[in-house]
PDB file of all heavy atoms in Angstrom:
ATOM      1  N   ALA A   1      -4.939   2.678  -0.743  1.00  0.00           N
ATOM      2  CA  ALA A   1      -5.156   4.092  -0.415  1.00  0.00           C
ATOM      3  C   ALA A   1      -6.291   4.625  -1.198  1.00  0.00           C
ATOM      4  O   ALA A   1      -6.508   4.140  -2.194  1.00  0.00           O
ATOM      5  CB  ALA A   1      -3.783   4.952  -0.523  1.00  0.00           C
ATOM      6  N   PHE A   2      -6.851   5.753  -0.773  1.00  0.00           N
ATOM      7  CA  PHE A   2      -8.045   6.231  -1.391  1.00  0.00           C
ATOM      8  C   PHE A   2      -7.859   7.815  -1.226  1.00  0.00           C
ATOM      9  O   PHE A   2      -7.997   8.456  -0.293  1.00  0.00           O
ATOM     10  CB  PHE A   2      -9.403   5.827  -0.823  1.00  0.00           C
ATOM     11  CG  PHE A   2     -10.518   6.284  -1.648  1.00  0.00           C
ATOM     12  CD1 PHE A   2     -10.499   6.939  -2.793  1.00  0.00           C
ATOM     13  CD2 PHE A   2     -11.939   5.966  -1.065  1.00  0.00           C
ATOM     14  CE1 PHE A   2     -11.588   7.293  -3.499  1.00  0.00           C
ATOM     15  CE2 PHE A   2     -12.847   6.314  -1.865  1.00  0.00           C
ATOM     16  CZ  PHE A   2     -12.922   7.053  -3.062  1.00  0.00           C
ATOM     17  N   SER A   3      -7.541   8.318  -2.420  1.00  0.00           N
ATOM     18  CA  SER A   3      -7.251   9.816  -2.587  1.00  0.00           C
ATOM     19  C   SER A   3      -8.166  10.455  -3.408  1.00  0.00           C
ATOM     20  O   SER A   3      -8.568   9.993  -4.468  1.00  0.00           O
ATOM     21  CB  SER A   3      -5.761  10.156  -2.942  1.00  0.00           C
ATOM     22  OG  SER A   3      -4.851   9.488  -2.194  1.00  0.00           O
ATOM     23  N   ILE A   4      -8.698  11.684  -3.112  1.00  0.00           N
ATOM     24  CA  ILE A   4      -9.585  12.572  -3.827  1.00  0.00           C
ATOM     25  C   ILE A   4      -8.854  13.986  -4.114  1.00  0.00           C
ATOM     26  O   ILE A   4      -8.477  14.528  -3.147  1.00  0.00           O
ATOM     27  CB  ILE A   4     -10.933  12.822  -3.131  1.00  0.00           C
ATOM     28  CG1 ILE A   4     -11.681  11.527  -2.926  1.00  0.00           C
ATOM     29  CG2 ILE A   4     -11.952  13.773  -3.945  1.00  0.00           C
ATOM     30  CD1 ILE A   4     -13.044  11.717  -2.112  1.00  0.00           C
ATOM     31  N   VAL A   5      -8.647  14.245  -5.438  1.00  0.00           N
ATOM     32  CA  VAL A   5      -7.813  15.452  -5.739  1.00  0.00           C
ATOM     33  C   VAL A   5      -8.822  16.281  -6.594  1.00  0.00           C
ATOM     34  O   VAL A   5      -9.818  15.758  -7.169  1.00  0.00           O
ATOM     35  CB  VAL A   5      -6.653  15.061  -6.534  1.00  0.00           C
ATOM     36  CG1 VAL A   5      -5.605  14.304  -5.535  1.00  0.00           C
ATOM     37  CG2 VAL A   5      -6.922  14.364  -7.818  1.00  0.00           C
ATOM     38  N   GLY A   6      -8.530  17.464  -6.855  1.00  0.00           N
ATOM     39  CA  GLY A   6      -9.206  18.347  -7.711  1.00  0.00           C
ATOM     40  C   GLY A   6     -10.007  19.452  -6.924  1.00  0.00           C
ATOM     41  O   GLY A   6     -11.053  19.828  -7.222  1.00  0.00           O
ATOM     42  N   LEU A   7      -9.354  20.048  -5.832  1.00  0.00           N
ATOM     43  CA  LEU A   7      -9.853  21.152  -5.101  1.00  0.00           C
ATOM     44  C   LEU A   7     -11.141  20.791  -4.421  1.00  0.00           C
ATOM     45  O   LEU A   7     -12.023  21.476  -4.429  1.00  0.00           O
ATOM     46  CB  LEU A   7     -10.042  22.406  -5.932  1.00  0.00           C
ATOM     47  CG  LEU A   7      -9.767  23.669  -5.196  1.00  0.00           C
ATOM     48  CD1 LEU A   7      -8.393  23.778  -4.752  1.00  0.00           C
ATOM     49  CD2 LEU A   7      -9.998  24.872  -6.247  1.00  0.00           C
ATOM     50  N   PRO A   8     -11.061  19.643  -3.612  1.00  0.00           N
ATOM     51  CA  PRO A   8     -12.381  19.337  -2.897  1.00  0.00           C
ATOM     52  C   PRO A   8     -12.344  20.120  -1.500  1.00  0.00           C
ATOM     53  O   PRO A   8     -11.388  20.406  -0.929  1.00  0.00           O
ATOM     54  CB  PRO A   8     -12.195  17.854  -2.557  1.00  0.00           C
ATOM     55  CG  PRO A   8     -10.695  17.490  -2.553  1.00  0.00           C
ATOM     56  CD  PRO A   8     -10.108  18.753  -3.433  1.00  0.00           C
ATOM     57  N   ASP A   9     -13.646  20.429  -0.991  1.00  0.00           N
ATOM     58  CA  ASP A   9     -13.689  20.828   0.289  1.00  0.00           C
ATOM     59  C   ASP A   9     -13.710  19.778   1.397  1.00  0.00           C
ATOM     60  O   ASP A   9     -13.642  18.544   0.989  1.00  0.00           O
ATOM     61  CB  ASP A   9     -14.950  21.916   0.441  1.00  0.00           C
ATOM     62  CG  ASP A   9     -16.212  21.122   0.436  1.00  0.00           C
ATOM     63  OD1 ASP A   9     -16.284  19.867   0.100  1.00  0.00           O
ATOM     64  OD2 ASP A   9     -17.282  21.784   0.794  1.00  0.00           O
ATOM     65  N   THR A  10     -13.967  19.998   2.579  1.00  0.00           N
ATOM     66  CA  THR A  10     -13.925  19.029   3.658  1.00  0.00           C
ATOM     67  C   THR A  10     -15.003  17.967   3.398  1.00  0.00           C
ATOM     68  O   THR A  10     -14.751  16.761   3.692  1.00  0.00           O
ATOM     69  CB  THR A  10     -14.125  19.761   5.055  1.00  0.00           C
ATOM     70  OG1 THR A  10     -13.143  20.698   5.151  1.00  0.00           O
ATOM     71  CG2 THR A  10     -14.027  18.616   6.084  1.00  0.00           C
ATOM     72  N   ALA A  11     -16.259  18.453   2.983  1.00  0.00           N
ATOM     73  CA  ALA A  11     -17.303  17.526   2.931  1.00  0.00           C
ATOM     74  C   ALA A  11     -16.989  16.531   1.748  1.00  0.00           C
ATOM     75  O   ALA A  11     -17.287  15.373   1.842  1.00  0.00           O
ATOM     76  CB  ALA A  11     -18.561  18.214   2.530  1.00  0.00           C
ATOM     77  N   VAL A  12     -16.310  16.934   0.602  1.00  0.00           N
ATOM     78  CA  VAL A  12     -16.003  16.157  -0.491  1.00  0.00           C
ATOM     79  C   VAL A  12     -14.810  15.198  -0.068  1.00  0.00           C
ATOM     80  O   VAL A  12     -14.914  13.987  -0.363  1.00  0.00           O
ATOM     81  CB  VAL A  12     -15.590  16.906  -1.710  1.00  0.00           C
ATOM     82  CG1 VAL A  12     -15.167  16.096  -2.901  1.00  0.00           C
ATOM     83  CG2 VAL A  12     -16.790  17.839  -2.095  1.00  0.00           C
ATOM     84  N   ARG A  13     -13.922  15.615   0.695  1.00  0.00           N
ATOM     85  CA  ARG A  13     -12.823  14.738   1.144  1.00  0.00           C
ATOM     86  C   ARG A  13     -13.221  13.630   2.019  1.00  0.00           C
ATOM     87  O   ARG A  13     -12.784  12.543   1.968  1.00  0.00           O
ATOM     88  CB  ARG A  13     -11.738  15.615   1.731  1.00  0.00           C
ATOM     89  CG  ARG A  13     -10.804  16.433   0.841  1.00  0.00           C
ATOM     90  CD  ARG A  13      -9.539  16.892   1.565  1.00  0.00           C
ATOM     91  NE  ARG A  13     -10.003  17.831   2.822  1.00  0.00           N
ATOM     92  CZ  ARG A  13      -9.991  18.978   2.819  1.00  0.00           C
ATOM     93  NH1 ARG A  13      -9.967  19.746   1.635  1.00  0.00           N
ATOM     94  NH2 ARG A  13     -10.332  19.807   3.773  1.00  0.00           N
ATOM     95  N   GLU A  14     -14.300  13.975   2.827  1.00  0.00           N
ATOM     96  CA  GLU A  14     -14.873  13.001   3.606  1.00  0.00           C
ATOM     97  C   GLU A  14     -15.684  11.908   2.985  1.00  0.00           C
ATOM     98  O   GLU A  14     -16.091  10.972   3.681  1.00  0.00           O
ATOM     99  CB  GLU A  14     -15.655  13.612   4.878  1.00  0.00           C
ATOM    100  CG  GLU A  14     -14.851  14.467   5.709  1.00  0.00           C
ATOM    101  CD  GLU A  14     -15.727  15.247   6.800  1.00  0.00           C
ATOM    102  OE1 GLU A  14     -16.871  15.230   6.539  1.00  0.00           O
ATOM    103  OE2 GLU A  14     -15.165  15.740   7.794  1.00  0.00           O
ATOM    104  N   ALA A  15     -16.049  12.090   1.601  1.00  0.00           N
ATOM    105  CA  ALA A  15     -16.631  11.118   0.929  1.00  0.00           C
ATOM    106  C   ALA A  15     -15.927   9.784   0.964  1.00  0.00           C
ATOM    107  O   ALA A  15     -16.567   8.731   0.598  1.00  0.00           O
ATOM    108  CB  ALA A  15     -16.875  11.738  -0.565  1.00  0.00           C
ATOM    109  N   ARG A  16     -14.567   9.858   1.082  1.00  0.00           N
ATOM    110  CA  ARG A  16     -13.868   8.574   1.086  1.00  0.00           C
ATOM    111  C   ARG A  16     -14.543   7.548   2.169  1.00  0.00           C
ATOM    112  O   ARG A  16     -14.560   6.401   1.772  1.00  0.00           O
ATOM    113  CB  ARG A  16     -12.289   8.853   1.429  1.00  0.00           C
ATOM    114  CG  ARG A  16     -11.630   9.756   0.346  1.00  0.00           C
ATOM    115  CD  ARG A  16     -10.271  10.018   0.793  1.00  0.00           C
ATOM    116  NE  ARG A  16     -10.333  10.759   2.018  1.00  0.00           N
ATOM    117  CZ  ARG A  16      -9.268  11.431   2.670  1.00  0.00           C
ATOM    118  NH1 ARG A  16      -8.003  11.080   2.147  1.00  0.00           N
ATOM    119  NH2 ARG A  16      -9.342  11.985   3.785  1.00  0.00           N
ATOM    120  N   GLU A  17     -14.723   8.027   3.237  1.00  0.00           N
ATOM    121  CA  GLU A  17     -15.068   7.091   4.266  1.00  0.00           C
ATOM    122  C   GLU A  17     -16.679   6.727   4.090  1.00  0.00           C
ATOM    123  O   GLU A  17     -17.081   5.595   4.309  1.00  0.00           O
ATOM    124  CB  GLU A  17     -15.022   7.750   5.615  1.00  0.00           C
ATOM    125  CG  GLU A  17     -13.756   8.188   5.965  1.00  0.00           C
ATOM    126  CD  GLU A  17     -12.726   7.033   5.967  1.00  0.00           C
ATOM    127  OE1 GLU A  17     -12.990   5.872   6.254  1.00  0.00           O
ATOM    128  OE2 GLU A  17     -11.491   7.217   5.321  1.00  0.00           O
ATOM    129  N   ARG A  18     -17.501   7.688   3.532  1.00  0.00           N
ATOM    130  CA  ARG A  18     -18.830   7.467   3.242  1.00  0.00           C
ATOM    131  C   ARG A  18     -18.938   6.385   2.172  1.00  0.00           C
ATOM    132  O   ARG A  18     -19.685   5.409   2.303  1.00  0.00           O
ATOM    133  CB  ARG A  18     -19.632   8.606   3.023  1.00  0.00           C
ATOM    134  CG  ARG A  18     -19.821   9.665   4.084  1.00  0.00           C
ATOM    135  CD  ARG A  18     -20.843  10.660   3.802  1.00  0.00           C
ATOM    136  NE  ARG A  18     -20.277  11.622   2.649  1.00  0.00           N
ATOM    137  CZ  ARG A  18     -19.748  12.668   2.781  1.00  0.00           C
ATOM    138  NH1 ARG A  18     -19.290  13.020   4.093  1.00  0.00           N
ATOM    139  NH2 ARG A  18     -19.334  13.377   1.722  1.00  0.00           N
ATOM    140  N   VAL A  19     -18.191   6.640   1.132  1.00  0.00           N
ATOM    141  CA  VAL A  19     -18.240   5.634  -0.087  1.00  0.00           C
ATOM    142  C   VAL A  19     -17.607   4.160   0.401  1.00  0.00           C
ATOM    143  O   VAL A  19     -18.222   3.189  -0.037  1.00  0.00           O
ATOM    144  CB  VAL A  19     -17.383   6.137  -1.272  1.00  0.00           C
ATOM    145  CG1 VAL A  19     -17.212   5.115  -2.281  1.00  0.00           C
ATOM    146  CG2 VAL A  19     -18.054   7.484  -1.799  1.00  0.00           C
ATOM    147  N   ARG A  20     -16.640   4.264   1.164  1.00  0.00           N
ATOM    148  CA  ARG A  20     -16.121   2.912   1.693  1.00  0.00           C
ATOM    149  C   ARG A  20     -17.161   2.116   2.465  1.00  0.00           C
ATOM    150  O   ARG A  20     -17.355   0.887   2.166  1.00  0.00           O
ATOM    151  CB  ARG A  20     -14.853   3.066   2.520  1.00  0.00           C
ATOM    152  CG  ARG A  20     -14.101   1.825   2.895  1.00  0.00           C
ATOM    153  CD  ARG A  20     -13.235   2.114   4.016  1.00  0.00           C
ATOM    154  NE  ARG A  20     -12.294   3.203   3.765  1.00  0.00           N
ATOM    155  CZ  ARG A  20     -11.126   3.221   3.132  1.00  0.00           C
ATOM    156  NH1 ARG A  20     -10.626   2.141   2.667  1.00  0.00           N
ATOM    157  NH2 ARG A  20     -10.370   4.294   3.008  1.00  0.00           N
ATOM    158  N   ALA A  21     -17.795   2.706   3.399  1.00  0.00           N
ATOM    159  CA  ALA A  21     -18.776   2.101   4.192  1.00  0.00           C
ATOM    160  C   ALA A  21     -19.942   1.705   3.287  1.00  0.00           C
ATOM    161  O   ALA A  21     -20.554   0.608   3.514  1.00  0.00           O
ATOM    162  CB  ALA A  21     -19.111   2.973   5.445  1.00  0.00           C
ATOM    163  N   ALA A  22     -20.400   2.560   2.511  1.00  0.00           N
ATOM    164  CA  ALA A  22     -21.698   2.318   1.765  1.00  0.00           C
ATOM    165  C   ALA A  22     -21.565   1.086   0.805  1.00  0.00           C
ATOM    166  O   ALA A  22     -22.255   0.218   0.650  1.00  0.00           O
ATOM    167  CB  ALA A  22     -22.068   3.633   0.969  1.00  0.00           C
ATOM    168  N   LEU A  23     -20.319   1.107   0.159  1.00  0.00           N
ATOM    169  CA  LEU A  23     -20.039  -0.112  -0.838  1.00  0.00           C
ATOM    170  C   LEU A  23     -20.151  -1.414  -0.006  1.00  0.00           C
ATOM    171  O   LEU A  23     -20.811  -2.468  -0.384  1.00  0.00           O
ATOM    172  CB  LEU A  23     -18.711   0.160  -1.349  1.00  0.00           C
ATOM    173  CG  LEU A  23     -18.779   0.555  -2.845  1.00  0.00           C
ATOM    174  CD1 LEU A  23     -19.377   2.027  -2.862  1.00  0.00           C
ATOM    175  CD2 LEU A  23     -17.370   0.605  -3.495  1.00  0.00           C
ATOM    176  N   VAL A  24     -19.494  -1.501   1.079  1.00  0.00           N
ATOM    177  CA  VAL A  24     -19.367  -2.799   1.788  1.00  0.00           C
ATOM    178  C   VAL A  24     -20.778  -2.983   2.435  1.00  0.00           C
ATOM    179  O   VAL A  24     -21.089  -4.201   2.327  1.00  0.00           O
ATOM    180  CB  VAL A  24     -18.388  -2.631   2.976  1.00  0.00           C
ATOM    181  CG1 VAL A  24     -18.371  -3.874   3.981  1.00  0.00           C
ATOM    182  CG2 VAL A  24     -16.933  -2.388   2.416  1.00  0.00           C
ATOM    183  N   ASN A  25     -21.522  -2.199   2.863  1.00  0.00           N
ATOM    184  CA  ASN A  25     -22.815  -2.434   3.501  1.00  0.00           C
ATOM    185  C   ASN A  25     -23.918  -2.708   2.420  1.00  0.00           C
ATOM    186  O   ASN A  25     -24.971  -3.210   2.796  1.00  0.00           O
ATOM    187  CB  ASN A  25     -23.332  -1.242   4.469  1.00  0.00           C
ATOM    188  CG  ASN A  25     -22.537  -1.108   5.656  1.00  0.00           C
ATOM    189  OD1 ASN A  25     -22.047  -2.078   6.170  1.00  0.00           O
ATOM    190  ND2 ASN A  25     -22.248   0.131   6.126  1.00  0.00           N
ATOM    191  N   CYS A  26     -23.582  -2.478   1.247  1.00  0.00           N
ATOM    192  CA  CYS A  26     -24.522  -2.810   0.068  1.00  0.00           C
ATOM    193  C   CYS A  26     -24.136  -4.130  -0.606  1.00  0.00           C
ATOM    194  O   CYS A  26     -24.675  -4.428  -1.624  1.00  0.00           O
ATOM    195  CB  CYS A  26     -24.706  -1.535  -0.835  1.00  0.00           C
ATOM    196  SG  CYS A  26     -25.469  -0.234  -0.314  1.00  0.00           S
ATOM    197  N   GLY A  27     -23.149  -4.779  -0.074  1.00  0.00           N
ATOM    198  CA  GLY A  27     -22.739  -6.020  -0.652  1.00  0.00           C
ATOM    199  C   GLY A  27     -21.732  -6.002  -1.714  1.00  0.00           C
ATOM    200  O   GLY A  27     -21.388  -6.873  -2.487  1.00  0.00           O
ATOM    201  N   PHE A  28     -21.087  -4.770  -2.017  1.00  0.00           N
ATOM    202  CA  PHE A  28     -20.125  -4.627  -3.026  1.00  0.00           C
ATOM    203  C   PHE A  28     -18.795  -4.822  -2.336  1.00  0.00           C
ATOM    204  O   PHE A  28     -18.575  -4.901  -1.033  1.00  0.00           O
ATOM    205  CB  PHE A  28     -20.173  -3.246  -3.621  1.00  0.00           C
ATOM    206  CG  PHE A  28     -21.398  -2.977  -4.475  1.00  0.00           C
ATOM    207  CD1 PHE A  28     -22.391  -2.043  -4.000  1.00  0.00           C
ATOM    208  CD2 PHE A  28     -21.598  -3.554  -5.769  1.00  0.00           C
ATOM    209  CE1 PHE A  28     -23.506  -1.861  -4.812  1.00  0.00           C
ATOM    210  CE2 PHE A  28     -22.757  -3.399  -6.430  1.00  0.00           C
ATOM    211  CZ  PHE A  28     -23.667  -2.441  -5.945  1.00  0.00           C
ATOM    212  N   GLU A  29     -17.729  -4.932  -3.149  1.00  0.00           N
ATOM    213  CA  GLU A  29     -16.379  -5.057  -2.722  1.00  0.00           C
ATOM    214  C   GLU A  29     -15.766  -3.810  -2.787  1.00  0.00           C
ATOM    215  O   GLU A  29     -15.629  -3.189  -3.862  1.00  0.00           O
ATOM    216  CB  GLU A  29     -15.682  -6.191  -3.483  1.00  0.00           C
ATOM    217  CG  GLU A  29     -14.154  -6.363  -2.992  1.00  0.00           C
ATOM    218  CD  GLU A  29     -13.457  -7.310  -3.907  1.00  0.00           C
ATOM    219  OE1 GLU A  29     -14.098  -8.041  -4.781  1.00  0.00           O
ATOM    220  OE2 GLU A  29     -12.324  -7.464  -3.798  1.00  0.00           O
ATOM    221  N   PHE A  30     -14.953  -3.359  -1.628  1.00  0.00           N
ATOM    222  CA  PHE A  30     -14.198  -2.167  -1.751  1.00  0.00           C
ATOM    223  C   PHE A  30     -12.750  -2.654  -2.148  1.00  0.00           C
ATOM    224  O   PHE A  30     -12.097  -3.556  -1.316  1.00  0.00           O
ATOM    225  CB  PHE A  30     -14.164  -1.458  -0.455  1.00  0.00           C
ATOM    226  CG  PHE A  30     -13.437  -0.180  -0.473  1.00  0.00           C
ATOM    227  CD1 PHE A  30     -14.071   0.956  -1.031  1.00  0.00           C
ATOM    228  CD2 PHE A  30     -12.075  -0.062  -0.107  1.00  0.00           C
ATOM    229  CE1 PHE A  30     -13.351   2.119  -1.132  1.00  0.00           C
ATOM    230  CE2 PHE A  30     -11.378   1.122  -0.294  1.00  0.00           C
ATOM    231  CZ  PHE A  30     -12.041   2.235  -0.669  1.00  0.00           C
ATOM    232  N   PRO A  31     -12.311  -2.241  -3.373  1.00  0.00           N
ATOM    233  CA  PRO A  31     -10.965  -2.756  -3.801  1.00  0.00           C
ATOM    234  C   PRO A  31      -9.789  -2.421  -2.957  1.00  0.00           C
ATOM    235  O   PRO A  31      -9.682  -1.233  -2.571  1.00  0.00           O
ATOM    236  CB  PRO A  31     -10.812  -2.105  -5.246  1.00  0.00           C
ATOM    237  CG  PRO A  31     -11.954  -1.241  -5.325  1.00  0.00           C
ATOM    238  CD  PRO A  31     -12.864  -1.212  -4.236  1.00  0.00           C
ATOM    239  N   LEU A  32      -8.870  -3.302  -2.483  1.00  0.00           N
ATOM    240  CA  LEU A  32      -7.855  -3.000  -1.625  1.00  0.00           C
ATOM    241  C   LEU A  32      -6.661  -2.710  -2.570  1.00  0.00           C
ATOM    242  O   LEU A  32      -5.697  -3.369  -2.623  1.00  0.00           O
ATOM    243  CB  LEU A  32      -7.462  -4.223  -0.720  1.00  0.00           C
ATOM    244  CG  LEU A  32      -8.585  -4.396   0.304  1.00  0.00           C
ATOM    245  CD1 LEU A  32      -8.174  -5.706   1.191  1.00  0.00           C
ATOM    246  CD2 LEU A  32      -8.885  -3.305   1.188  1.00  0.00           C
ATOM    247  N   ARG A  33      -6.764  -1.613  -3.253  1.00  0.00           N
ATOM    248  CA  ARG A  33      -5.726  -1.063  -4.184  1.00  0.00           C
ATOM    249  C   ARG A  33      -5.574   0.416  -3.952  1.00  0.00           C
ATOM    250  O   ARG A  33      -6.106   0.978  -3.079  1.00  0.00           O
ATOM    251  CB  ARG A  33      -6.023  -1.448  -5.555  1.00  0.00           C
ATOM    252  CG  ARG A  33      -6.186  -2.979  -5.969  1.00  0.00           C
ATOM    253  CD  ARG A  33      -6.317  -3.255  -7.520  1.00  0.00           C
ATOM    254  NE  ARG A  33      -6.411  -4.582  -7.726  1.00  0.00           N
ATOM    255  CZ  ARG A  33      -6.337  -5.095  -8.921  1.00  0.00           C
ATOM    256  NH1 ARG A  33      -6.314  -4.232 -10.110  1.00  0.00           N
ATOM    257  NH2 ARG A  33      -6.345  -6.485  -9.120  1.00  0.00           N
ATOM    258  N   ARG A  34      -4.724   0.906  -4.879  1.00  0.00           N
ATOM    259  CA  ARG A  34      -4.491   2.442  -4.809  1.00  0.00           C
ATOM    260  C   ARG A  34      -5.723   3.026  -5.645  1.00  0.00           C
ATOM    261  O   ARG A  34      -5.687   2.843  -6.930  1.00  0.00           O
ATOM    262  CB  ARG A  34      -3.192   2.761  -5.277  1.00  0.00           C
ATOM    263  CG  ARG A  34      -2.935   4.275  -5.178  1.00  0.00           C
ATOM    264  CD  ARG A  34      -1.557   4.690  -5.258  1.00  0.00           C
ATOM    265  NE  ARG A  34      -1.324   6.107  -5.026  1.00  0.00           N
ATOM    266  CZ  ARG A  34      -1.353   6.792  -3.827  1.00  0.00           C
ATOM    267  NH1 ARG A  34      -1.588   6.046  -2.722  1.00  0.00           N
ATOM    268  NH2 ARG A  34      -1.224   8.002  -3.623  1.00  0.00           N
ATOM    269  N   ILE A  35      -6.360   3.839  -4.972  1.00  0.00           N
ATOM    270  CA  ILE A  35      -7.639   4.480  -5.721  1.00  0.00           C
ATOM    271  C   ILE A  35      -7.297   5.978  -5.689  1.00  0.00           C
ATOM    272  O   ILE A  35      -7.168   6.584  -4.705  1.00  0.00           O
ATOM    273  CB  ILE A  35      -8.928   4.075  -5.015  1.00  0.00           C
ATOM    274  CG1 ILE A  35      -9.086   2.552  -4.838  1.00  0.00           C
ATOM    275  CG2 ILE A  35     -10.040   4.695  -5.808  1.00  0.00           C
ATOM    276  CD1 ILE A  35     -10.220   2.207  -4.053  1.00  0.00           C
TER     277      ILE A  35
END
């Protein structure tokens, strides 16, 4: 799971999907753990 806390707005909450895709497409590993 990937959770963002700390009073984020919609654009910040949607960073989960952007970060996930960016890491994989740049050759990094997206950890399959609780984040």
